[in-house]
Structures are given as C-alpha cells and as structure tokens.
Amino acid sequence: MRKGKPFSKNIFDDFDFDETERCDDPDCEICSFDVQPKENNMTNTELDIRDQKRYFESRMWSIYRSKEKEAERFFGICDDEPPKTTREAYMRIVSGNFTFPPEEYDCDGVHGFRWKNPLKIPDKEGHKVVHTKLDKAQQKCIDQIMIGQPRAMKEAVKTFEKVTIH
C-alpha cells in the first residue's frame, strides 16, 4: 500500500501500489503523492497585500460588469430585465413593451418574447463613447490596484464606482 498523505478522494485510493514500481516523472500523479510542496517564502504581509489586491480587483470587475450592463440597457443595446411576475408580464404586453422573436427563433409561449420597448432605437455610437470612458477608468483603477497600498486600492475602487455612464 502507498504511504504518505492521502488525496481527499482519488481514483487510485483503492489501488494496491508497490513503491518499487515508481516512475521517474515528477509530474506523475500516481508516483508523486509523497513529494513535499515547495516552500512558500512570502511573508504574511506580502500574502495579505496579494489577497487584498485580488479582492479589490474582483470588486472592480464586479462593478465594471454591472456598469457595462447598465450602459447596454441605457443605450438600447440589450433587452430590459424580464418581468418577474405574471402581472408585470401582462402589463408589459398590454403596453407593448416587447418584441416578437424572428420566425426562425420562434419559441413556445412568452419565453420567446424580447422584453424591450420597440420604440427605443439602439444608440451604438453613444454606447461606444461610454464604453471607451468606462474602459479608461477601469484601466486606471487596475493600475492603482496593482501598484498601490491597501488604502490607495480602496480609494481606486471607490473612484471607479462613481464613474457615470450617462
């Protein structure tokens, strides 16, 4: 039987393995189970800063995606939020705030409706201008996160969050 720390759940757990039959490949999952992990020479402070950078970068991407979606809706590039209740769907149908899908994409029931005001014309040029502005603000935020200290990272994300799209 093999020795060393077992995997959490491995397909080889029930396999009888003779240690004399080891291969020389250090990347072999079967034979390298007892290889010790490389030592981490990072200090706790360096690890904390790395984790904070990851957090702030993740937060920045979350803000970016929500602003991007808001811009797409504002400029009529994508559909509005679908109705959440039957009454809301009824009110949208009565008021005409939907479009039918093309015939080749026809679906059953209201699942095929595009919940978009047909009178709202997409403004691709306006969206492009705002998207460029958003991309520049995002890059500035990323730069400040990558080279900054935690307080500067937090301020960079707060500043990015205040960027307006319209």
N, C-alpha and C. Protein backbone atom coordinates (compact mmCIF):
# COMPACT_ATOMS: atom_id res chain seq x y z
N MET A 1 0.84 -1.19 0.00
CA MET A 1 0.00 0.00 0.00
C MET A 1 0.88 1.24 0.00
N ARG A 2 0.37 2.30 -0.51
CA ARG A 2 1.15 3.52 -0.56
C ARG A 2 1.19 4.20 0.79
N LYS A 3 2.22 5.00 0.98
CA LYS A 3 2.39 5.72 2.23
C LYS A 3 2.29 7.21 1.95
N GLY A 4 2.21 8.00 2.98
CA GLY A 4 2.15 9.44 2.80
C GLY A 4 0.75 9.96 3.01
N LYS A 5 0.59 11.24 2.79
CA LYS A 5 -0.69 11.90 2.99
C LYS A 5 -1.64 11.54 1.85
N PRO A 6 -2.82 10.99 2.15
CA PRO A 6 -3.74 10.58 1.08
C PRO A 6 -4.41 11.78 0.43
N PHE A 7 -4.81 11.59 -0.82
CA PHE A 7 -5.59 12.60 -1.51
C PHE A 7 -6.97 12.66 -0.87
N SER A 8 -7.68 13.77 -1.09
CA SER A 8 -9.01 13.88 -0.49
C SER A 8 -9.92 12.79 -1.05
N LYS A 9 -9.95 12.61 -2.34
CA LYS A 9 -10.64 11.48 -2.96
C LYS A 9 -9.97 11.27 -4.29
N ASN A 10 -9.30 10.18 -4.44
CA ASN A 10 -8.52 9.92 -5.63
C ASN A 10 -8.96 8.59 -6.21
N ILE A 11 -8.91 8.48 -7.52
CA ILE A 11 -9.31 7.22 -8.15
C ILE A 11 -8.33 6.11 -7.83
N PHE A 12 -7.14 6.45 -7.34
CA PHE A 12 -6.14 5.45 -7.04
C PHE A 12 -6.16 5.02 -5.57
N ASP A 13 -7.11 5.50 -4.78
CA ASP A 13 -7.15 5.17 -3.36
C ASP A 13 -7.28 3.67 -3.11
N ASP A 14 -8.02 3.00 -3.96
CA ASP A 14 -8.23 1.57 -3.75
C ASP A 14 -7.24 0.70 -4.53
N PHE A 15 -6.26 1.32 -5.13
CA PHE A 15 -5.29 0.62 -5.96
C PHE A 15 -4.09 0.21 -5.11
N ASP A 16 -3.73 -1.06 -5.14
CA ASP A 16 -2.53 -1.53 -4.44
C ASP A 16 -1.32 -1.12 -5.27
N PHE A 17 -0.42 -0.40 -4.65
CA PHE A 17 0.70 0.20 -5.35
C PHE A 17 1.99 -0.21 -4.66
N ASP A 18 2.87 -0.84 -5.40
CA ASP A 18 4.16 -1.25 -4.86
C ASP A 18 5.14 -0.10 -5.09
N GLU A 19 5.73 0.41 -4.01
CA GLU A 19 6.59 1.59 -4.10
C GLU A 19 7.84 1.35 -4.93
N THR A 20 8.20 0.12 -5.19
CA THR A 20 9.38 -0.14 -6.02
C THR A 20 9.07 0.08 -7.50
N GLU A 21 7.80 0.18 -7.85
CA GLU A 21 7.40 0.35 -9.25
C GLU A 21 7.15 1.82 -9.59
N ARG A 22 7.92 2.72 -9.05
CA ARG A 22 7.74 4.15 -9.29
C ARG A 22 8.39 4.56 -10.59
N CYS A 23 7.78 5.54 -11.25
CA CYS A 23 8.41 6.10 -12.45
C CYS A 23 9.24 7.32 -12.03
N ASP A 24 10.01 7.85 -12.94
CA ASP A 24 10.89 8.97 -12.62
C ASP A 24 10.26 10.33 -12.96
N ASP A 25 9.05 10.34 -13.43
CA ASP A 25 8.38 11.58 -13.83
C ASP A 25 7.89 12.32 -12.59
N PRO A 26 8.41 13.54 -12.30
CA PRO A 26 8.00 14.26 -11.10
C PRO A 26 6.55 14.76 -11.18
N ASP A 27 5.98 14.83 -12.40
CA ASP A 27 4.60 15.30 -12.55
C ASP A 27 3.58 14.16 -12.54
N CYS A 28 4.03 12.94 -12.41
CA CYS A 28 3.13 11.79 -12.41
C CYS A 28 2.27 11.82 -11.15
N GLU A 29 0.95 11.83 -11.34
CA GLU A 29 0.03 11.90 -10.20
C GLU A 29 0.06 10.63 -9.36
N ILE A 30 0.39 9.53 -9.98
CA ILE A 30 0.38 8.26 -9.26
C ILE A 30 1.62 8.13 -8.37
N CYS A 31 2.78 8.50 -8.92
CA CYS A 31 4.04 8.25 -8.22
C CYS A 31 4.50 9.42 -7.36
N SER A 32 3.96 10.59 -7.53
CA SER A 32 4.48 11.75 -6.83
C SER A 32 3.64 12.16 -5.62
N PHE A 33 2.90 11.21 -5.06
CA PHE A 33 2.00 11.55 -3.96
C PHE A 33 2.74 11.95 -2.69
N ASP A 34 3.98 11.54 -2.55
CA ASP A 34 4.69 11.86 -1.32
C ASP A 34 5.69 13.00 -1.51
N VAL A 35 5.65 13.69 -2.65
CA VAL A 35 6.53 14.82 -2.89
C VAL A 35 6.05 15.98 -2.02
N GLN A 36 6.96 16.61 -1.32
CA GLN A 36 6.60 17.71 -0.44
C GLN A 36 6.35 18.98 -1.26
N PRO A 37 5.36 19.76 -0.88
CA PRO A 37 5.11 21.00 -1.62
C PRO A 37 6.28 21.97 -1.46
N LYS A 38 6.42 22.85 -2.46
CA LYS A 38 7.51 23.82 -2.40
C LYS A 38 7.25 24.79 -1.26
N GLU A 39 8.31 25.23 -0.66
CA GLU A 39 8.21 26.13 0.47
C GLU A 39 7.81 27.52 -0.01
N ASN A 40 6.89 28.13 0.71
CA ASN A 40 6.43 29.47 0.37
C ASN A 40 7.25 30.47 1.19
N ASN A 41 8.00 31.31 0.51
CA ASN A 41 8.87 32.26 1.19
C ASN A 41 8.23 33.63 1.38
N MET A 42 6.95 33.76 1.08
CA MET A 42 6.28 35.05 1.23
C MET A 42 5.94 35.30 2.69
N THR A 43 6.08 36.53 3.12
CA THR A 43 5.72 36.88 4.49
C THR A 43 4.22 37.06 4.59
N ASN A 44 3.72 37.09 5.80
CA ASN A 44 2.29 37.29 5.99
C ASN A 44 1.83 38.62 5.42
N THR A 45 2.64 39.65 5.54
CA THR A 45 2.28 40.96 5.00
C THR A 45 2.16 40.89 3.48
N GLU A 46 3.10 40.22 2.83
CA GLU A 46 3.04 40.08 1.38
C GLU A 46 1.82 39.27 0.96
N LEU A 47 1.51 38.23 1.71
CA LEU A 47 0.32 37.44 1.42
C LEU A 47 -0.95 38.26 1.61
N ASP A 48 -0.99 39.08 2.67
CA ASP A 48 -2.16 39.93 2.91
C ASP A 48 -2.35 40.92 1.78
N ILE A 49 -1.27 41.55 1.34
CA ILE A 49 -1.37 42.52 0.25
C ILE A 49 -1.81 41.84 -1.04
N ARG A 50 -1.26 40.65 -1.31
CA ARG A 50 -1.68 39.91 -2.50
C ARG A 50 -3.17 39.59 -2.45
N ASP A 51 -3.65 39.14 -1.29
CA ASP A 51 -5.07 38.83 -1.14
C ASP A 51 -5.93 40.07 -1.27
N GLN A 52 -5.45 41.20 -0.74
CA GLN A 52 -6.20 42.44 -0.86
C GLN A 52 -6.27 42.89 -2.31
N LYS A 53 -5.18 42.74 -3.04
CA LYS A 53 -5.19 43.09 -4.46
C LYS A 53 -6.20 42.24 -5.21
N ARG A 54 -6.21 40.95 -4.91
CA ARG A 54 -7.18 40.05 -5.56
C ARG A 54 -8.61 40.46 -5.23
N TYR A 55 -8.86 40.81 -3.97
CA TYR A 55 -10.20 41.23 -3.57
C TYR A 55 -10.61 42.50 -4.31
N PHE A 56 -9.74 43.51 -4.31
CA PHE A 56 -10.11 44.78 -4.94
C PHE A 56 -10.24 44.63 -6.46
N GLU A 57 -9.41 43.79 -7.05
CA GLU A 57 -9.55 43.55 -8.49
C GLU A 57 -10.87 42.85 -8.79
N SER A 58 -11.24 41.87 -7.97
CA SER A 58 -12.51 41.18 -8.13
C SER A 58 -13.68 42.15 -7.96
N ARG A 59 -13.57 43.02 -6.98
CA ARG A 59 -14.62 44.02 -6.74
C ARG A 59 -14.73 44.97 -7.94
N MET A 60 -13.58 45.37 -8.48
CA MET A 60 -13.57 46.26 -9.64
C MET A 60 -14.26 45.60 -10.84
N TRP A 61 -13.97 44.31 -11.07
CA TRP A 61 -14.60 43.61 -12.19
C TRP A 61 -16.10 43.49 -11.99
N SER A 62 -16.54 43.29 -10.78
CA SER A 62 -17.98 43.22 -10.49
C SER A 62 -18.65 44.55 -10.81
N ILE A 63 -18.03 45.64 -10.41
CA ILE A 63 -18.56 46.97 -10.70
C ILE A 63 -18.56 47.21 -12.21
N TYR A 64 -17.48 46.82 -12.87
CA TYR A 64 -17.37 47.01 -14.32
C TYR A 64 -18.51 46.30 -15.05
N ARG A 65 -18.77 45.03 -14.68
CA ARG A 65 -19.82 44.27 -15.35
C ARG A 65 -21.20 44.90 -15.13
N SER A 66 -21.46 45.39 -13.91
CA SER A 66 -22.77 46.00 -13.65
C SER A 66 -22.91 47.32 -14.41
N LYS A 67 -21.85 48.11 -14.50
CA LYS A 67 -21.90 49.37 -15.26
C LYS A 67 -22.03 49.09 -16.75
N GLU A 68 -21.37 48.06 -17.22
CA GLU A 68 -21.45 47.68 -18.63
C GLU A 68 -22.88 47.28 -18.99
N LYS A 69 -23.50 46.49 -18.13
CA LYS A 69 -24.88 46.06 -18.37
C LYS A 69 -25.83 47.27 -18.30
N GLU A 70 -25.59 48.16 -17.36
CA GLU A 70 -26.41 49.37 -17.23
C GLU A 70 -26.29 50.22 -18.50
N ALA A 71 -25.08 50.35 -19.03
CA ALA A 71 -24.87 51.12 -20.26
C ALA A 71 -25.58 50.47 -21.45
N GLU A 72 -25.50 49.16 -21.54
CA GLU A 72 -26.17 48.45 -22.64
C GLU A 72 -27.68 48.66 -22.58
N ARG A 73 -28.23 48.64 -21.39
CA ARG A 73 -29.67 48.87 -21.26
C ARG A 73 -30.04 50.32 -21.55
N PHE A 74 -29.21 51.26 -21.05
CA PHE A 74 -29.48 52.67 -21.24
C PHE A 74 -29.47 53.04 -22.73
N PHE A 75 -28.53 52.48 -23.49
CA PHE A 75 -28.41 52.80 -24.91
C PHE A 75 -29.19 51.84 -25.81
N GLY A 76 -29.99 50.96 -25.23
CA GLY A 76 -30.86 50.09 -26.01
C GLY A 76 -30.14 48.98 -26.74
N ILE A 77 -28.97 48.61 -26.28
CA ILE A 77 -28.20 47.55 -26.94
C ILE A 77 -28.75 46.18 -26.57
N CYS A 78 -29.12 46.00 -25.32
CA CYS A 78 -29.66 44.70 -24.88
C CYS A 78 -31.09 44.89 -24.36
N ASP A 79 -31.74 43.79 -24.12
CA ASP A 79 -33.12 43.81 -23.65
C ASP A 79 -33.21 44.34 -22.22
N ASP A 80 -34.42 44.77 -21.86
CA ASP A 80 -34.69 45.17 -20.49
C ASP A 80 -34.77 43.91 -19.62
N GLU A 81 -34.80 44.11 -18.32
CA GLU A 81 -34.99 42.98 -17.41
C GLU A 81 -36.31 42.30 -17.74
N PRO A 82 -36.36 40.98 -17.75
CA PRO A 82 -37.64 40.31 -18.00
C PRO A 82 -38.57 40.52 -16.81
N PRO A 83 -39.87 40.42 -17.05
CA PRO A 83 -40.81 40.58 -15.94
C PRO A 83 -40.63 39.48 -14.91
N LYS A 84 -40.86 39.84 -13.66
CA LYS A 84 -40.68 38.89 -12.56
C LYS A 84 -41.99 38.23 -12.14
N THR A 85 -43.12 38.85 -12.48
CA THR A 85 -44.41 38.30 -12.10
C THR A 85 -45.30 38.23 -13.33
N THR A 86 -46.37 37.46 -13.22
CA THR A 86 -47.34 37.35 -14.30
C THR A 86 -48.02 38.69 -14.56
N ARG A 87 -48.32 39.41 -13.49
CA ARG A 87 -48.96 40.73 -13.63
C ARG A 87 -48.04 41.70 -14.39
N GLU A 88 -46.75 41.68 -14.06
CA GLU A 88 -45.80 42.55 -14.75
C GLU A 88 -45.70 42.17 -16.23
N ALA A 89 -45.70 40.87 -16.54
CA ALA A 89 -45.67 40.43 -17.95
C ALA A 89 -46.91 40.90 -18.68
N TYR A 90 -48.05 40.78 -18.04
CA TYR A 90 -49.32 41.22 -18.63
C TYR A 90 -49.28 42.73 -18.92
N MET A 91 -48.79 43.51 -17.95
CA MET A 91 -48.74 44.96 -18.12
C MET A 91 -47.79 45.35 -19.27
N ARG A 92 -46.71 44.64 -19.40
CA ARG A 92 -45.78 44.94 -20.49
C ARG A 92 -46.37 44.58 -21.84
N ILE A 93 -47.09 43.47 -21.89
CA ILE A 93 -47.72 43.06 -23.15
C ILE A 93 -48.80 44.07 -23.54
N VAL A 94 -49.62 44.47 -22.57
CA VAL A 94 -50.68 45.44 -22.84
C VAL A 94 -50.10 46.78 -23.30
N SER A 95 -49.00 47.21 -22.68
CA SER A 95 -48.40 48.49 -23.05
C SER A 95 -47.51 48.39 -24.29
N GLY A 96 -47.23 47.18 -24.77
CA GLY A 96 -46.43 47.00 -25.98
C GLY A 96 -44.94 47.04 -25.77
N ASN A 97 -44.48 46.84 -24.54
CA ASN A 97 -43.04 46.87 -24.26
C ASN A 97 -42.40 45.49 -24.45
N PHE A 98 -42.53 44.97 -25.65
CA PHE A 98 -41.91 43.70 -26.01
C PHE A 98 -41.83 43.64 -27.52
N THR A 99 -41.02 42.74 -28.02
CA THR A 99 -40.98 42.46 -29.46
C THR A 99 -41.02 40.95 -29.64
N PHE A 100 -41.50 40.55 -30.79
CA PHE A 100 -41.53 39.12 -31.10
C PHE A 100 -40.17 38.71 -31.65
N PRO A 101 -39.78 37.47 -31.38
CA PRO A 101 -38.52 36.99 -31.96
C PRO A 101 -38.70 36.76 -33.45
N PRO A 102 -37.61 36.75 -34.21
CA PRO A 102 -37.73 36.39 -35.62
C PRO A 102 -38.33 34.99 -35.75
N GLU A 103 -38.97 34.72 -36.86
CA GLU A 103 -39.68 33.44 -37.03
C GLU A 103 -38.77 32.23 -36.86
N GLU A 104 -37.52 32.35 -37.30
CA GLU A 104 -36.61 31.20 -37.18
C GLU A 104 -36.23 30.90 -35.74
N TYR A 105 -36.48 31.85 -34.83
CA TYR A 105 -36.19 31.64 -33.42
C TYR A 105 -37.46 31.56 -32.58
N ASP A 106 -38.59 31.31 -33.23
CA ASP A 106 -39.86 31.30 -32.52
C ASP A 106 -39.85 30.25 -31.41
N CYS A 107 -40.30 30.66 -30.22
CA CYS A 107 -40.31 29.78 -29.06
C CYS A 107 -41.73 29.61 -28.56
N ASP A 108 -41.92 28.70 -27.64
CA ASP A 108 -43.23 28.48 -27.05
C ASP A 108 -43.53 29.56 -26.02
N GLY A 109 -44.73 30.07 -26.04
CA GLY A 109 -45.18 30.99 -25.00
C GLY A 109 -44.40 32.29 -24.94
N VAL A 110 -44.38 32.90 -23.76
CA VAL A 110 -43.73 34.19 -23.57
C VAL A 110 -42.22 34.08 -23.44
N HIS A 111 -41.69 32.87 -23.43
CA HIS A 111 -40.24 32.70 -23.29
C HIS A 111 -39.49 33.23 -24.50
N GLY A 112 -40.17 33.36 -25.62
CA GLY A 112 -39.52 33.87 -26.82
C GLY A 112 -39.61 35.38 -26.95
N PHE A 113 -40.42 36.02 -26.15
CA PHE A 113 -40.54 37.49 -26.23
C PHE A 113 -39.22 38.14 -25.89
N ARG A 114 -38.95 39.25 -26.56
CA ARG A 114 -37.81 40.09 -26.17
C ARG A 114 -38.42 41.24 -25.40
N TRP A 115 -38.05 41.35 -24.14
CA TRP A 115 -38.63 42.37 -23.27
C TRP A 115 -37.89 43.68 -23.49
N LYS A 116 -38.30 44.35 -24.56
CA LYS A 116 -37.63 45.58 -24.98
C LYS A 116 -38.67 46.48 -25.63
N ASN A 117 -38.60 47.75 -25.31
CA ASN A 117 -39.51 48.71 -25.93
C ASN A 117 -39.15 48.82 -27.41
N PRO A 118 -40.08 48.49 -28.30
CA PRO A 118 -39.75 48.52 -29.74
C PRO A 118 -39.51 49.94 -30.26
N LEU A 119 -39.93 50.96 -29.53
CA LEU A 119 -39.71 52.33 -29.97
C LEU A 119 -38.33 52.85 -29.61
N LYS A 120 -37.63 52.15 -28.74
CA LYS A 120 -36.29 52.56 -28.33
C LYS A 120 -35.27 52.05 -29.34
N ILE A 121 -34.62 52.99 -30.02
CA ILE A 121 -33.66 52.65 -31.06
C ILE A 121 -32.27 52.54 -30.43
N PRO A 122 -31.55 51.45 -30.69
CA PRO A 122 -30.21 51.29 -30.11
C PRO A 122 -29.26 52.42 -30.55
N ASP A 123 -28.54 52.99 -29.62
CA ASP A 123 -27.58 54.06 -29.88
C ASP A 123 -26.17 53.46 -29.73
N LYS A 124 -25.69 52.87 -30.81
CA LYS A 124 -24.40 52.19 -30.76
C LYS A 124 -23.24 53.17 -30.62
N GLU A 125 -23.35 54.34 -31.20
CA GLU A 125 -22.28 55.34 -31.10
C GLU A 125 -22.16 55.86 -29.66
N GLY A 126 -23.31 56.17 -29.04
CA GLY A 126 -23.30 56.63 -27.65
C GLY A 126 -22.73 55.56 -26.72
N HIS A 127 -23.11 54.31 -26.99
CA HIS A 127 -22.61 53.20 -26.19
C HIS A 127 -21.10 53.07 -26.35
N LYS A 128 -20.61 53.24 -27.57
CA LYS A 128 -19.17 53.12 -27.82
C LYS A 128 -18.39 54.19 -27.05
N VAL A 129 -18.91 55.42 -27.04
CA VAL A 129 -18.25 56.52 -26.32
C VAL A 129 -18.19 56.22 -24.82
N VAL A 130 -19.32 55.78 -24.26
CA VAL A 130 -19.37 55.48 -22.83
C VAL A 130 -18.50 54.28 -22.51
N HIS A 131 -18.49 53.29 -23.39
CA HIS A 131 -17.67 52.10 -23.16
C HIS A 131 -16.19 52.47 -23.14
N THR A 132 -15.77 53.37 -24.02
CA THR A 132 -14.38 53.84 -24.03
C THR A 132 -14.05 54.55 -22.72
N LYS A 133 -14.97 55.39 -22.26
CA LYS A 133 -14.78 56.10 -20.98
C LYS A 133 -14.67 55.10 -19.83
N LEU A 134 -15.53 54.09 -19.84
CA LEU A 134 -15.53 53.07 -18.79
C LEU A 134 -14.24 52.26 -18.83
N ASP A 135 -13.76 51.92 -20.02
CA ASP A 135 -12.51 51.16 -20.15
C ASP A 135 -11.31 51.95 -19.62
N LYS A 136 -11.27 53.25 -19.91
CA LYS A 136 -10.17 54.08 -19.41
C LYS A 136 -10.19 54.15 -17.89
N ALA A 137 -11.38 54.35 -17.32
CA ALA A 137 -11.50 54.41 -15.85
C ALA A 137 -11.13 53.07 -15.23
N GLN A 138 -11.52 51.99 -15.90
CA GLN A 138 -11.18 50.66 -15.40
C GLN A 138 -9.67 50.44 -15.41
N GLN A 139 -9.00 50.83 -16.49
CA GLN A 139 -7.55 50.64 -16.58
C GLN A 139 -6.83 51.45 -15.51
N LYS A 140 -7.30 52.65 -15.28
CA LYS A 140 -6.70 53.49 -14.23
C LYS A 140 -6.86 52.81 -12.86
N CYS A 141 -8.03 52.23 -12.63
CA CYS A 141 -8.29 51.53 -11.36
C CYS A 141 -7.38 50.31 -11.23
N ILE A 142 -7.24 49.54 -12.30
CA ILE A 142 -6.37 48.36 -12.27
C ILE A 142 -4.93 48.77 -11.97
N ASP A 143 -4.47 49.83 -12.62
CA ASP A 143 -3.10 50.30 -12.38
C ASP A 143 -2.90 50.67 -10.92
N GLN A 144 -3.87 51.37 -10.34
CA GLN A 144 -3.74 51.77 -8.94
C GLN A 144 -3.81 50.57 -8.00
N ILE A 145 -4.59 49.58 -8.36
CA ILE A 145 -4.67 48.36 -7.53
C ILE A 145 -3.34 47.61 -7.58
N MET A 146 -2.76 47.47 -8.76
CA MET A 146 -1.55 46.67 -8.91
C MET A 146 -0.33 47.29 -8.25
N ILE A 147 -0.26 48.62 -8.19
CA ILE A 147 0.94 49.24 -7.63
C ILE A 147 0.70 49.89 -6.27
N GLY A 148 -0.55 49.97 -5.84
CA GLY A 148 -0.88 50.72 -4.64
C GLY A 148 -0.85 49.92 -3.36
N GLN A 149 -0.95 50.65 -2.29
CA GLN A 149 -1.11 50.07 -0.97
C GLN A 149 -2.61 49.92 -0.71
N PRO A 150 -3.00 49.15 0.31
CA PRO A 150 -4.42 48.87 0.54
C PRO A 150 -5.33 50.10 0.57
N ARG A 151 -4.91 51.17 1.20
CA ARG A 151 -5.76 52.36 1.27
C ARG A 151 -5.96 52.96 -0.12
N ALA A 152 -4.89 52.98 -0.93
CA ALA A 152 -4.98 53.50 -2.30
C ALA A 152 -5.84 52.59 -3.17
N MET A 153 -5.75 51.28 -2.94
CA MET A 153 -6.58 50.34 -3.70
C MET A 153 -8.06 50.59 -3.42
N LYS A 154 -8.38 50.78 -2.16
CA LYS A 154 -9.77 51.03 -1.76
C LYS A 154 -10.28 52.32 -2.40
N GLU A 155 -9.47 53.35 -2.39
CA GLU A 155 -9.85 54.63 -2.99
C GLU A 155 -10.03 54.49 -4.50
N ALA A 156 -9.17 53.68 -5.14
CA ALA A 156 -9.27 53.48 -6.58
C ALA A 156 -10.60 52.82 -6.94
N VAL A 157 -11.00 51.82 -6.16
CA VAL A 157 -12.27 51.14 -6.43
C VAL A 157 -13.45 52.08 -6.15
N LYS A 158 -13.36 52.87 -5.08
CA LYS A 158 -14.43 53.83 -4.79
C LYS A 158 -14.57 54.86 -5.92
N THR A 159 -13.44 55.34 -6.43
CA THR A 159 -13.46 56.30 -7.53
C THR A 159 -14.06 55.67 -8.78
N PHE A 160 -13.69 54.42 -9.06
CA PHE A 160 -14.22 53.71 -10.23
C PHE A 160 -15.73 53.52 -10.08
N GLU A 161 -16.17 53.25 -8.89
CA GLU A 161 -17.60 53.04 -8.64
C GLU A 161 -18.42 54.30 -8.93
N LYS A 162 -17.81 55.47 -8.80
CA LYS A 162 -18.51 56.73 -9.03
C LYS A 162 -18.58 57.14 -10.50
N VAL A 163 -17.92 56.40 -11.38
CA VAL A 163 -17.94 56.72 -12.80
C VAL A 163 -19.37 56.60 -13.30
N THR A 164 -19.83 57.64 -14.01
CA THR A 164 -21.20 57.62 -14.53
C THR A 164 -21.19 57.18 -15.99
N ILE A 165 -22.28 56.58 -16.41
CA ILE A 165 -22.36 56.10 -17.79
C ILE A 165 -23.29 56.95 -18.64
N HIS A 166 -24.03 57.85 -18.03
CA HIS A 166 -24.92 58.72 -18.83
C HIS A 166 -25.03 60.08 -18.22
